[in-house]
Amino acid sequence: GSDLIYTEEGVGWLAKAMASLLNFSKERRQQRPASRIVYGHTHGRIPELDQKWEQQLHAVGLTWNILERIPVIGWEGRSTVIMEIFCQA
């Protein structure tokens, strides 16, 4: 997915949906490699939602690594951040 956040309500629902996909019982997580979601988020597209997005990911028990930053052509100073999202240990 890419740029799926358009409202404050959407921030919460997307984070909850991702957590639901990634959260398995502790026993199932030990039996198989940890699942990951790769998501592209363009920082600054809706600035007031960027920080809320990161806060909501933490609130539902998720964390992330930044895999890459891709400059947005024609949108000076902005980039799409490719994130690997997964359950906190």
C-alpha atoms as a PDB file:
ATOM      1  CA  GLY A   1       0.000   0.000   0.000  1.00  0.00           C
ATOM      2  CA  SER A   2       0.967   3.620  -0.324  1.00  0.00           C
ATOM      3  CA  ASP A   3      -0.486   6.797   1.151  1.00  0.00           C
ATOM      4  CA  LEU A   4      -3.594   5.274   2.678  1.00  0.00           C
ATOM      5  CA  ILE A   5      -4.007   7.976   5.346  1.00  0.00           C
ATOM      6  CA  TYR A   6      -6.362  10.875   4.627  1.00  0.00           C
ATOM      7  CA  THR A   7      -8.043  11.565   7.985  1.00  0.00           C
ATOM      8  CA  GLU A   8      -7.261  11.310  11.694  1.00  0.00           C
ATOM      9  CA  GLU A   9      -9.812   8.500  11.947  1.00  0.00           C
ATOM     10  CA  GLY A  10      -8.024   6.719   9.091  1.00  0.00           C
ATOM     11  CA  VAL A  11      -4.740   6.883  11.020  1.00  0.00           C
ATOM     12  CA  GLY A  12      -6.258   4.804  13.800  1.00  0.00           C
ATOM     13  CA  TRP A  13      -8.061   2.313  11.593  1.00  0.00           C
ATOM     14  CA  LEU A  14      -5.068   1.644   9.344  1.00  0.00           C
ATOM     15  CA  ALA A  15      -2.769   1.045  12.334  1.00  0.00           C
ATOM     16  CA  LYS A  16      -5.366  -1.289  13.909  1.00  0.00           C
ATOM     17  CA  ALA A  17      -5.794  -3.200  10.643  1.00  0.00           C
ATOM     18  CA  MET A  18      -2.025  -3.632  10.307  1.00  0.00           C
ATOM     19  CA  ALA A  19      -1.760  -4.791  13.927  1.00  0.00           C
ATOM     20  CA  SER A  20      -4.561  -7.284  13.335  1.00  0.00           C
ATOM     21  CA  LEU A  21      -2.734  -8.724  10.324  1.00  0.00           C
ATOM     22  CA  LEU A  22       0.580  -8.958  12.176  1.00  0.00           C
ATOM     23  CA  ASN A  23      -0.501 -10.076  15.646  1.00  0.00           C
ATOM     24  CA  PHE A  24      -0.600 -13.810  16.050  1.00  0.00           C
ATOM     25  CA  SER A  25      -0.609 -15.693  19.304  1.00  0.00           C
ATOM     26  CA  LYS A  26       2.803 -15.900  20.910  1.00  0.00           C
ATOM     27  CA  GLU A  27       2.974 -19.614  20.113  1.00  0.00           C
ATOM     28  CA  ARG A  28       2.282 -19.078  16.385  1.00  0.00           C
ATOM     29  CA  ARG A  29       4.888 -16.313  16.163  1.00  0.00           C
ATOM     30  CA  GLN A  30       7.502 -18.698  17.589  1.00  0.00           C
ATOM     31  CA  GLN A  31       6.641 -21.373  15.015  1.00  0.00           C
ATOM     32  CA  ARG A  32       7.218 -19.210  11.923  1.00  0.00           C
ATOM     33  CA  PRO A  33       9.185 -16.156  10.806  1.00  0.00           C
ATOM     34  CA  ALA A  34       7.722 -12.839  11.878  1.00  0.00           C
ATOM     35  CA  SER A  35       5.365 -11.262   9.370  1.00  0.00           C
ATOM     36  CA  ARG A  36       6.091  -7.817   7.957  1.00  0.00           C
ATOM     37  CA  ILE A  37       4.144  -5.153   6.074  1.00  0.00           C
ATOM     38  CA  VAL A  38       5.899  -2.893   3.572  1.00  0.00           C
ATOM     39  CA  TYR A  39       4.182   0.497   3.314  1.00  0.00           C
ATOM     40  CA  GLY A  40       5.027   3.707   1.465  1.00  0.00           C
ATOM     41  CA  HIS A  41       4.150   6.941   3.280  1.00  0.00           C
ATOM     42  CA  THR A  42       4.773  10.387   1.792  1.00  0.00           C
ATOM     43  CA  HIS A  43       5.739  12.658   4.678  1.00  0.00           C
ATOM     44  CA  GLY A  44       4.295  16.148   4.447  1.00  0.00           C
ATOM     45  CA  ARG A  45       1.369  15.252   2.205  1.00  0.00           C
ATOM     46  CA  ILE A  46      -0.969  15.851   5.170  1.00  0.00           C
ATOM     47  CA  PRO A  47       1.548  17.116   7.769  1.00  0.00           C
ATOM     48  CA  GLU A  48      -0.731  17.007  10.832  1.00  0.00           C
ATOM     49  CA  LEU A  49      -1.218  13.252  10.344  1.00  0.00           C
ATOM     50  CA  ASP A  50       2.465  12.220  10.067  1.00  0.00           C
ATOM     51  CA  GLN A  51       3.246  12.319  13.788  1.00  0.00           C
ATOM     52  CA  LYS A  52      -0.159  10.870  14.712  1.00  0.00           C
ATOM     53  CA  TRP A  53       0.539   7.949  12.356  1.00  0.00           C
ATOM     54  CA  GLU A  54       3.793   7.082  14.128  1.00  0.00           C
ATOM     55  CA  GLN A  55       2.167   7.492  17.567  1.00  0.00           C
ATOM     56  CA  GLN A  56      -0.713   5.209  16.586  1.00  0.00           C
ATOM     57  CA  LEU A  57       1.635   2.504  15.306  1.00  0.00           C
ATOM     58  CA  HIS A  58       3.345   2.462  18.718  1.00  0.00           C
ATOM     59  CA  ALA A  59      -0.019   2.537  20.503  1.00  0.00           C
ATOM     60  CA  VAL A  60      -1.088  -0.724  18.819  1.00  0.00           C
ATOM     61  CA  GLY A  61       2.252  -2.451  19.485  1.00  0.00           C
ATOM     62  CA  LEU A  62       3.948  -1.947  16.124  1.00  0.00           C
ATOM     63  CA  THR A  63       7.320  -0.535  15.196  1.00  0.00           C
ATOM     64  CA  TRP A  64       9.129   0.018  11.906  1.00  0.00           C
ATOM     65  CA  ASN A  65      12.391   0.325  10.036  1.00  0.00           C
ATOM     66  CA  ILE A  66      12.842   2.779   7.216  1.00  0.00           C
ATOM     67  CA  LEU A  67      13.983   0.816   4.179  1.00  0.00           C
ATOM     68  CA  GLU A  68      14.319   3.702   1.732  1.00  0.00           C
ATOM     69  CA  ARG A  69      13.455   7.352   1.116  1.00  0.00           C
ATOM     70  CA  ILE A  70      12.381   8.148  -2.434  1.00  0.00           C
ATOM     71  CA  PRO A  71      12.290  11.838  -3.453  1.00  0.00           C
ATOM     72  CA  VAL A  72       8.938  12.998  -4.817  1.00  0.00           C
ATOM     73  CA  ILE A  73       9.567  14.626  -8.203  1.00  0.00           C
ATOM     74  CA  GLY A  74       7.995  18.060  -8.424  1.00  0.00           C
ATOM     75  CA  TRP A  75       7.360  18.258  -4.678  1.00  0.00           C
ATOM     76  CA  GLU A  76      10.486  19.950  -3.317  1.00  0.00           C
ATOM     77  CA  GLY A  77      11.781  18.588  -0.018  1.00  0.00           C
ATOM     78  CA  ARG A  78       9.279  15.740   0.191  1.00  0.00           C
ATOM     79  CA  SER A  79       9.961  12.038   0.015  1.00  0.00           C
ATOM     80  CA  THR A  80       8.059   8.802   0.182  1.00  0.00           C
ATOM     81  CA  VAL A  81       9.352   6.706   3.043  1.00  0.00           C
ATOM     82  CA  ILE A  82       9.265   2.955   2.474  1.00  0.00           C
ATOM     83  CA  MET A  83       8.610   1.407   5.881  1.00  0.00           C
ATOM     84  CA  GLU A  84       8.890  -2.190   7.071  1.00  0.00           C
ATOM     85  CA  ILE A  85       6.249  -2.462   9.820  1.00  0.00           C
ATOM     86  CA  PHE A  86       6.257  -5.313  12.369  1.00  0.00           C
ATOM     87  CA  CYS A  87       5.258  -6.269  15.930  1.00  0.00           C
ATOM     88  CA  GLN A  88       7.388  -4.929  18.750  1.00  0.00           C
ATOM     89  CA  ALA A  89       9.455  -7.604  20.462  1.00  0.00           C
END
